[in-house]
N, C-alpha and C. Protein backbone atom coordinates (compact mmCIF):
# COMPACT_ATOMS: atom_id res chain seq x y z
N MET A 1 212.81 128.32 -65.98
CA MET A 1 212.40 130.22 -66.20
C MET A 1 213.92 130.24 -65.51
N SER A 2 214.43 131.47 -66.87
CA SER A 2 216.04 132.09 -65.14
C SER A 2 215.60 132.92 -65.05
N GLN A 3 216.15 133.91 -63.55
CA GLN A 3 215.58 135.16 -62.93
C GLN A 3 215.48 136.02 -63.58
N TYR A 4 216.17 136.11 -65.12
CA TYR A 4 216.24 137.17 -65.80
C TYR A 4 214.82 137.39 -66.99
N GLU A 5 214.36 135.80 -67.13
CA GLU A 5 213.17 136.21 -68.19
C GLU A 5 211.59 136.31 -67.95
N TYR A 6 211.93 137.30 -68.78
CA TYR A 6 210.07 138.29 -68.17
C TYR A 6 209.70 139.11 -67.30
N ARG A 7 210.65 139.12 -66.72
CA ARG A 7 210.95 139.84 -65.41
C ARG A 7 210.09 141.32 -65.54
N GLU A 8 210.26 141.85 -67.12
CA GLU A 8 209.89 143.57 -67.89
C GLU A 8 208.93 143.03 -68.31
N ARG A 9 208.26 144.46 -67.66
CA ARG A 9 206.83 144.00 -68.88
C ARG A 9 205.97 146.10 -68.97
N ARG A 10 206.70 146.28 -69.62
CA ARG A 10 206.92 147.82 -70.10
C ARG A 10 204.98 148.01 -70.37
N GLN A 11 204.53 149.11 -70.04
CA GLN A 11 203.31 149.55 -69.71
C GLN A 11 203.46 150.56 -70.59
N ARG A 12 204.22 151.59 -70.88
CA ARG A 12 204.40 152.23 -72.55
C ARG A 12 204.67 151.60 -73.50
N GLN A 13 203.99 152.58 -74.68
CA GLN A 13 204.88 151.85 -76.35
C GLN A 13 205.94 151.80 -76.38
N ARG A 14 206.91 151.12 -76.42
CA ARG A 14 208.09 151.55 -77.07
C ARG A 14 208.39 151.16 -78.46
N PHE A 15 209.55 152.12 -79.34
CA PHE A 15 209.98 152.45 -80.31
C PHE A 15 211.21 151.65 -80.93
N LEU A 16 211.16 151.62 -81.81
CA LEU A 16 212.45 151.16 -82.55
C LEU A 16 213.76 152.03 -82.63
N ALA A 17 214.69 151.95 -82.28
CA ALA A 17 215.75 153.22 -82.08
C ALA A 17 216.35 152.66 -83.33
N LYS A 18 216.26 152.58 -84.16
CA LYS A 18 216.47 152.89 -85.90
C LYS A 18 215.35 153.41 -86.72
N ARG A 19 215.82 154.26 -87.43
CA ARG A 19 214.91 155.18 -88.92
C ARG A 19 215.80 154.24 -90.13
N ALA A 20 214.95 154.02 -90.97
CA ALA A 20 215.63 153.83 -92.59
C ALA A 20 217.60 153.02 -92.18
N GLY A 21 217.24 152.55 -90.89
CA GLY A 21 217.99 151.80 -90.92
C GLY A 21 219.62 151.97 -90.22
N ALA A 22 219.26 152.83 -89.81
CA ALA A 22 220.18 153.92 -88.94
C ALA A 22 219.77 153.87 -87.48
N THR A 23 220.97 153.48 -86.56
CA THR A 23 220.83 153.76 -85.60
C THR A 23 220.56 155.58 -85.15
N LEU A 24 219.23 155.67 -84.33
CA LEU A 24 219.44 156.70 -83.57
C LEU A 24 219.42 157.45 -81.99
N PHE A 25 219.12 155.96 -81.13
CA PHE A 25 219.38 156.28 -79.80
C PHE A 25 220.44 155.74 -79.28
N TRP A 26 221.61 155.90 -78.47
CA TRP A 26 222.20 154.91 -78.19
C TRP A 26 222.28 154.71 -76.74
N VAL A 27 222.82 154.38 -75.82
CA VAL A 27 223.39 154.31 -74.44
C VAL A 27 224.90 154.29 -73.80
N ALA A 28 224.80 155.15 -73.52
CA ALA A 28 226.65 154.36 -72.53
C ALA A 28 226.25 154.37 -71.63
N PHE A 29 227.57 153.54 -71.26
CA PHE A 29 227.39 153.08 -69.53
C PHE A 29 228.86 152.13 -69.55
N ASP A 30 229.78 151.65 -68.14
CA ASP A 30 230.58 150.95 -68.30
C ASP A 30 231.83 151.39 -69.68
N GLY A 31 231.93 152.48 -69.78
CA GLY A 31 232.67 153.41 -70.49
C GLY A 31 232.34 152.87 -72.30
N ASN A 32 231.37 152.37 -72.50
CA ASN A 32 230.87 151.54 -73.92
C ASN A 32 229.54 152.49 -74.27
N ARG A 33 230.33 152.51 -75.46
CA ARG A 33 228.13 153.38 -76.36
C ARG A 33 227.53 152.29 -76.92
N ILE A 34 226.33 151.74 -76.41
CA ILE A 34 225.67 150.97 -77.04
C ILE A 34 224.82 151.34 -78.00
N PRO A 35 224.34 150.63 -79.51
CA PRO A 35 223.09 151.14 -79.73
C PRO A 35 222.00 150.59 -79.23
N LEU A 36 220.38 151.03 -79.14
CA LEU A 36 218.84 150.57 -78.37
C LEU A 36 218.80 150.08 -79.77
N LEU A 37 218.09 148.70 -79.21
CA LEU A 37 217.04 148.66 -79.76
C LEU A 37 215.42 148.77 -80.34
N ASP A 38 215.52 149.59 -78.28
CA ASP A 38 214.70 150.08 -78.41
C ASP A 38 214.12 150.61 -77.49
N LEU A 39 212.78 151.69 -76.89
CA LEU A 39 213.14 153.11 -76.00
C LEU A 39 212.05 153.01 -76.17
N SER A 40 211.27 153.02 -74.43
CA SER A 40 210.15 153.85 -74.19
C SER A 40 210.18 154.33 -73.28
N LEU A 41 208.97 155.29 -72.41
CA LEU A 41 209.68 156.56 -71.01
C LEU A 41 209.73 155.16 -69.60
N GLU A 42 209.14 154.35 -70.21
CA GLU A 42 210.22 153.13 -68.86
C GLU A 42 211.23 152.58 -69.06
N GLY A 43 211.73 152.10 -70.15
CA GLY A 43 213.17 151.48 -70.44
C GLY A 43 213.27 151.78 -71.78
N PHE A 44 214.30 150.76 -71.62
CA PHE A 44 215.51 150.54 -73.68
C PHE A 44 215.10 149.29 -73.03
N SER A 45 216.25 148.65 -73.87
CA SER A 45 216.12 147.50 -74.48
C SER A 45 217.66 147.33 -75.46
N ILE A 46 219.07 146.16 -75.21
CA ILE A 46 220.05 146.21 -76.21
C ILE A 46 220.01 144.98 -76.48
N ALA A 47 221.10 144.48 -77.34
CA ALA A 47 221.10 143.48 -78.00
C ALA A 47 222.75 142.94 -76.62
N ALA A 48 222.14 141.41 -76.94
CA ALA A 48 223.05 140.78 -75.71
C ALA A 48 223.12 139.51 -76.24
N SER A 49 224.29 139.01 -75.64
CA SER A 49 224.45 137.19 -76.01
C SER A 49 223.97 136.37 -75.00
N ALA A 50 224.59 137.26 -74.05
CA ALA A 50 224.02 136.13 -72.44
C ALA A 50 223.31 136.95 -71.77
N PRO A 51 222.57 136.48 -71.05
CA PRO A 51 222.26 136.91 -69.44
C PRO A 51 222.72 138.44 -69.17
N PRO A 52 221.82 139.11 -68.35
CA PRO A 52 223.07 139.58 -67.40
C PRO A 52 223.63 138.94 -66.31
N THR A 53 224.53 139.74 -65.58
CA THR A 53 225.47 139.36 -64.75
C THR A 53 225.28 139.66 -63.33
N ASN A 54 224.17 141.08 -63.38
CA ASN A 54 224.28 141.74 -62.31
C ASN A 54 222.82 142.46 -61.93
N THR A 55 222.02 142.21 -61.42
CA THR A 55 220.61 143.02 -61.07
C THR A 55 220.54 144.83 -60.72
N GLU A 56 221.57 144.90 -60.41
CA GLU A 56 222.16 146.56 -59.58
C GLU A 56 221.59 147.46 -60.17
N ALA A 57 221.48 148.48 -59.84
CA ALA A 57 221.25 149.57 -60.65
C ALA A 57 222.49 150.22 -60.71
N PHE A 58 222.07 150.91 -62.24
CA PHE A 58 223.45 151.24 -62.88
C PHE A 58 223.24 152.36 -63.51
N SER A 59 224.15 153.34 -63.99
CA SER A 59 224.47 155.17 -64.06
C SER A 59 224.62 154.61 -66.02
N PHE A 60 223.51 155.75 -66.91
CA PHE A 60 223.65 155.53 -68.09
C PHE A 60 223.64 156.76 -68.81
N GLU A 61 223.75 157.01 -70.16
CA GLU A 61 223.23 158.05 -70.53
C GLU A 61 222.98 157.72 -71.68
N LEU A 62 221.78 158.62 -72.12
CA LEU A 62 221.30 157.96 -73.30
C LEU A 62 221.78 159.33 -74.34
N ARG A 63 221.75 159.17 -75.97
CA ARG A 63 221.89 159.97 -76.71
C ARG A 63 221.26 159.60 -77.92
N LEU A 64 221.12 161.13 -78.08
CA LEU A 64 220.00 160.93 -79.62
C LEU A 64 220.88 161.08 -81.21
N GLU A 65 221.65 160.29 -81.82
CA GLU A 65 222.13 160.71 -82.63
C GLU A 65 222.24 162.33 -83.37
N GLY A 66 223.16 163.21 -83.80
CA GLY A 66 222.78 164.04 -84.17
C GLY A 66 222.73 165.57 -83.08
N ILE A 67 222.33 165.48 -81.83
CA ILE A 67 221.75 165.79 -80.87
C ILE A 67 222.60 166.42 -79.97
N PRO A 68 223.11 167.38 -79.12
CA PRO A 68 224.06 167.32 -78.22
C PRO A 68 223.51 167.19 -76.91
N ASP A 69 222.61 167.28 -76.66
CA ASP A 69 222.03 167.11 -75.57
C ASP A 69 221.96 165.55 -75.17
N LYS A 70 221.87 165.08 -73.34
CA LYS A 70 221.95 164.35 -73.41
C LYS A 70 220.87 163.96 -71.96
N ILE A 71 220.60 162.04 -71.67
CA ILE A 71 219.37 161.56 -70.53
C ILE A 71 220.51 161.29 -69.55
N ARG A 72 220.63 161.88 -68.34
CA ARG A 72 221.24 160.54 -67.20
C ARG A 72 220.24 160.32 -66.42
N GLY A 73 221.02 158.91 -66.03
CA GLY A 73 219.97 158.37 -64.68
C GLY A 73 220.41 157.01 -64.08
N GLN A 74 219.65 156.42 -63.91
CA GLN A 74 219.92 154.86 -63.54
C GLN A 74 218.23 153.64 -63.86
N ALA A 75 219.59 152.79 -63.68
CA ALA A 75 218.37 151.68 -64.96
C ALA A 75 219.16 151.02 -63.91
N GLN A 76 217.64 149.95 -64.56
CA GLN A 76 218.29 148.14 -63.83
C GLN A 76 218.05 147.25 -65.09
N GLN A 77 218.71 146.14 -65.31
CA GLN A 77 219.10 145.28 -65.99
C GLN A 77 217.87 144.63 -65.56
N MET A 78 216.55 143.92 -66.31
CA MET A 78 215.38 143.55 -65.98
C MET A 78 215.03 142.47 -66.36
N ASN A 79 215.20 141.34 -67.29
CA ASN A 79 214.81 140.62 -68.24
C ASN A 79 216.01 140.18 -69.17
N PHE A 80 216.09 139.11 -69.80
CA PHE A 80 216.65 138.79 -70.87
C PHE A 80 216.11 137.66 -71.88
N VAL A 81 215.57 138.44 -73.24
CA VAL A 81 214.96 137.06 -74.66
C VAL A 81 215.90 136.78 -75.26
N PRO A 82 216.23 135.15 -75.17
CA PRO A 82 217.01 134.79 -75.97
C PRO A 82 216.76 135.18 -77.57
N GLY A 83 217.85 135.06 -78.77
CA GLY A 83 217.70 135.00 -79.75
C GLY A 83 219.01 134.70 -80.45
N GLU A 84 218.00 134.65 -81.87
CA GLU A 84 219.89 134.17 -82.95
C GLU A 84 219.81 135.33 -84.01
N PRO A 85 221.32 135.68 -84.31
CA PRO A 85 222.28 135.74 -83.87
C PRO A 85 222.66 136.40 -82.50
N GLN A 86 221.11 137.60 -82.24
CA GLN A 86 221.87 137.77 -80.34
C GLN A 86 220.94 138.22 -79.37
N GLY A 87 220.59 137.19 -78.26
CA GLY A 87 219.26 137.74 -77.40
C GLY A 87 219.12 139.54 -77.44
N GLN A 88 218.15 140.59 -76.06
CA GLN A 88 218.49 141.28 -75.63
C GLN A 88 218.10 141.21 -74.61
N ILE A 89 218.57 142.78 -73.66
CA ILE A 89 218.21 142.47 -72.39
C ILE A 89 217.57 144.05 -72.00
N GLY A 90 216.82 144.28 -71.53
CA GLY A 90 215.53 144.77 -70.80
C GLY A 90 215.48 145.45 -69.98
N CYS A 91 215.67 147.36 -69.93
CA CYS A 91 216.14 147.56 -68.69
C CYS A 91 215.52 148.61 -68.41
N ARG A 92 214.91 149.14 -67.18
CA ARG A 92 214.10 149.63 -66.58
C ARG A 92 214.71 151.29 -66.14
N PHE A 93 214.08 151.83 -66.64
CA PHE A 93 214.66 153.63 -65.25
C PHE A 93 214.32 153.42 -64.45
N ILE A 94 215.58 153.51 -63.55
CA ILE A 94 214.60 153.89 -62.29
C ILE A 94 214.71 155.24 -61.74
N SER A 95 215.53 156.21 -62.51
CA SER A 95 215.36 157.35 -61.85
C SER A 95 216.15 158.10 -63.55
N LEU A 96 215.21 159.60 -63.73
CA LEU A 96 216.36 160.22 -64.72
C LEU A 96 216.54 161.50 -63.91
N ASP A 97 217.24 161.66 -64.49
CA ASP A 97 218.51 163.07 -63.67
C ASP A 97 217.32 164.24 -64.29
N GLY A 98 217.41 165.51 -63.77
CA GLY A 98 216.98 166.65 -64.24
C GLY A 98 215.84 166.99 -64.06
N GLU A 99 215.81 167.49 -66.03
CA GLU A 99 214.81 167.57 -66.89
C GLU A 99 214.88 166.66 -67.96
N GLY A 100 214.84 165.02 -67.47
CA GLY A 100 215.62 164.23 -68.46
C GLY A 100 214.31 163.19 -69.25
N ALA A 101 213.00 163.32 -68.10
CA ALA A 101 211.79 162.53 -68.08
C ALA A 101 211.08 163.54 -69.43
N MET A 102 210.81 165.08 -69.33
CA MET A 102 210.85 165.80 -70.43
C MET A 102 211.82 165.53 -71.72
N ARG A 103 212.69 165.71 -71.54
CA ARG A 103 213.50 165.76 -72.71
C ARG A 103 213.50 164.38 -73.80
N LEU A 104 212.95 162.94 -72.76
CA LEU A 104 213.06 161.93 -73.19
C LEU A 104 211.74 161.94 -74.00
N HIS A 105 210.61 162.35 -73.04
CA HIS A 105 209.40 162.80 -73.51
C HIS A 105 208.83 163.56 -75.12
N GLU A 106 210.41 164.20 -75.57
CA GLU A 106 210.53 165.16 -76.33
C GLU A 106 210.95 164.44 -77.70
N TRP A 107 211.86 163.64 -77.02
CA TRP A 107 212.54 163.10 -78.41
C TRP A 107 212.00 161.64 -79.06
N LEU A 108 211.43 161.21 -78.17
CA LEU A 108 210.26 159.99 -78.52
C LEU A 108 208.78 160.63 -79.75
N THR A 109 208.25 161.93 -78.79
CA THR A 109 207.82 162.63 -79.82
C THR A 109 207.70 162.79 -81.04
N ILE A 110 209.34 163.83 -80.72
CA ILE A 110 209.63 163.79 -82.49
C ILE A 110 209.59 162.65 -83.14
N HIS A 111 210.85 161.89 -82.33
CA HIS A 111 210.75 160.67 -83.16
C HIS A 111 209.21 159.72 -84.04
N VAL A 112 208.21 160.06 -83.18
CA VAL A 112 206.87 158.94 -84.08
C VAL A 112 206.71 160.28 -84.59
N ILE A 113 206.59 161.22 -85.36
CA ILE A 113 206.15 161.90 -85.85
C ILE A 113 207.08 162.25 -87.31
N ALA A 114 208.73 162.06 -87.01
CA ALA A 114 209.39 162.01 -87.82
C ALA A 114 209.32 160.94 -88.79
N SER A 115 208.92 159.50 -87.75
CA SER A 115 208.57 158.32 -88.92
C SER A 115 207.23 157.63 -89.06
N ALA A 116 206.80 158.53 -88.77
CA ALA A 116 204.83 157.59 -88.95
C ALA A 116 205.24 157.86 -90.90
N SER A 117 203.99 157.03 -91.18
CA SER A 117 203.94 156.85 -92.69
C SER A 117 202.71 157.86 -93.38
N VAL A 118 202.06 158.34 -92.31
CA VAL A 118 200.82 159.52 -92.47
C VAL A 118 201.01 160.15 -91.69
N ARG A 119 200.47 161.86 -92.37
CA ARG A 119 201.17 163.13 -91.22
C ARG A 119 200.37 163.20 -90.03
N ILE A 120 200.57 163.23 -89.01
CA ILE A 120 200.27 163.25 -87.43
C ILE A 120 200.85 164.15 -86.84
N THR A 121 199.79 165.17 -85.46
CA THR A 121 199.93 165.98 -85.04
C THR A 121 201.02 166.10 -84.14
N ALA A 122 201.19 167.45 -83.40
CA ALA A 122 202.11 166.56 -82.30
C ALA A 122 201.16 166.11 -81.07
N LYS A 123 200.56 166.52 -81.27
CA LYS A 123 199.22 166.23 -79.59
C LYS A 123 199.36 164.29 -80.57
N GLU A 124 198.90 163.84 -81.11
CA GLU A 124 198.58 162.64 -81.68
C GLU A 124 199.69 162.15 -81.55
N ALA A 125 201.27 162.58 -81.34
CA ALA A 125 202.37 161.66 -81.59
C ALA A 125 202.22 161.76 -80.31
N GLU A 126 202.35 162.09 -79.34
CA GLU A 126 202.54 162.91 -77.80
C GLU A 126 201.47 161.41 -77.28
N THR A 127 200.16 161.57 -77.68
CA THR A 127 199.14 160.32 -77.58
C THR A 127 200.11 159.00 -77.40
N ILE A 128 200.27 158.68 -78.60
CA ILE A 128 201.27 156.91 -79.10
C ILE A 128 201.75 156.98 -77.97
N VAL A 129 203.19 158.28 -77.93
CA VAL A 129 204.82 158.00 -76.82
C VAL A 129 203.28 157.64 -75.81
N GLU A 130 202.68 158.76 -74.70
CA GLU A 130 202.10 158.19 -73.53
C GLU A 130 201.52 156.69 -73.33
N GLY A 131 200.52 156.05 -74.58
CA GLY A 131 199.87 155.02 -74.90
C GLY A 131 200.61 153.92 -73.93
N PRO A 132 200.01 152.58 -74.18
CA PRO A 132 199.91 152.06 -73.59
C PRO A 132 200.74 150.97 -74.70
N SER A 133 201.93 150.04 -74.17
CA SER A 133 202.29 149.14 -75.08
C SER A 133 201.18 148.28 -75.89
N LEU A 134 202.43 148.04 -77.25
CA LEU A 134 201.24 147.45 -78.33
C LEU A 134 201.61 145.55 -77.92
N ILE A 135 203.43 145.34 -77.20
CA ILE A 135 204.01 144.45 -77.88
C ILE A 135 203.64 143.69 -76.41
């Protein structure tokens, strides 16, 4: 097993970063804007064809499509899951700047409400966002 495999195990629920086939959440780092595969209160994953070459903390900026707000912070690449045609790299948040944690919680709560197949309240959506990972 490589040093990257299965090191990361998020405790909170992960949410797909797409709705109706459109990417909603993006991350920018090293001059690149990359669509997220999933997002949680603890981290995110992105598509990758090879394991990360570096496990040092890196600065990032999260974006929600159509919203001018940004969430900035530091993250670390934690694991690599091989796949076809691409695998994925899981990253964990080390820190979120300013009100980033609150803003991320809001974004995910809204995402859960908008994605739900049945009507749910904001409180129910918050419980889902804060709840344990089902994956």
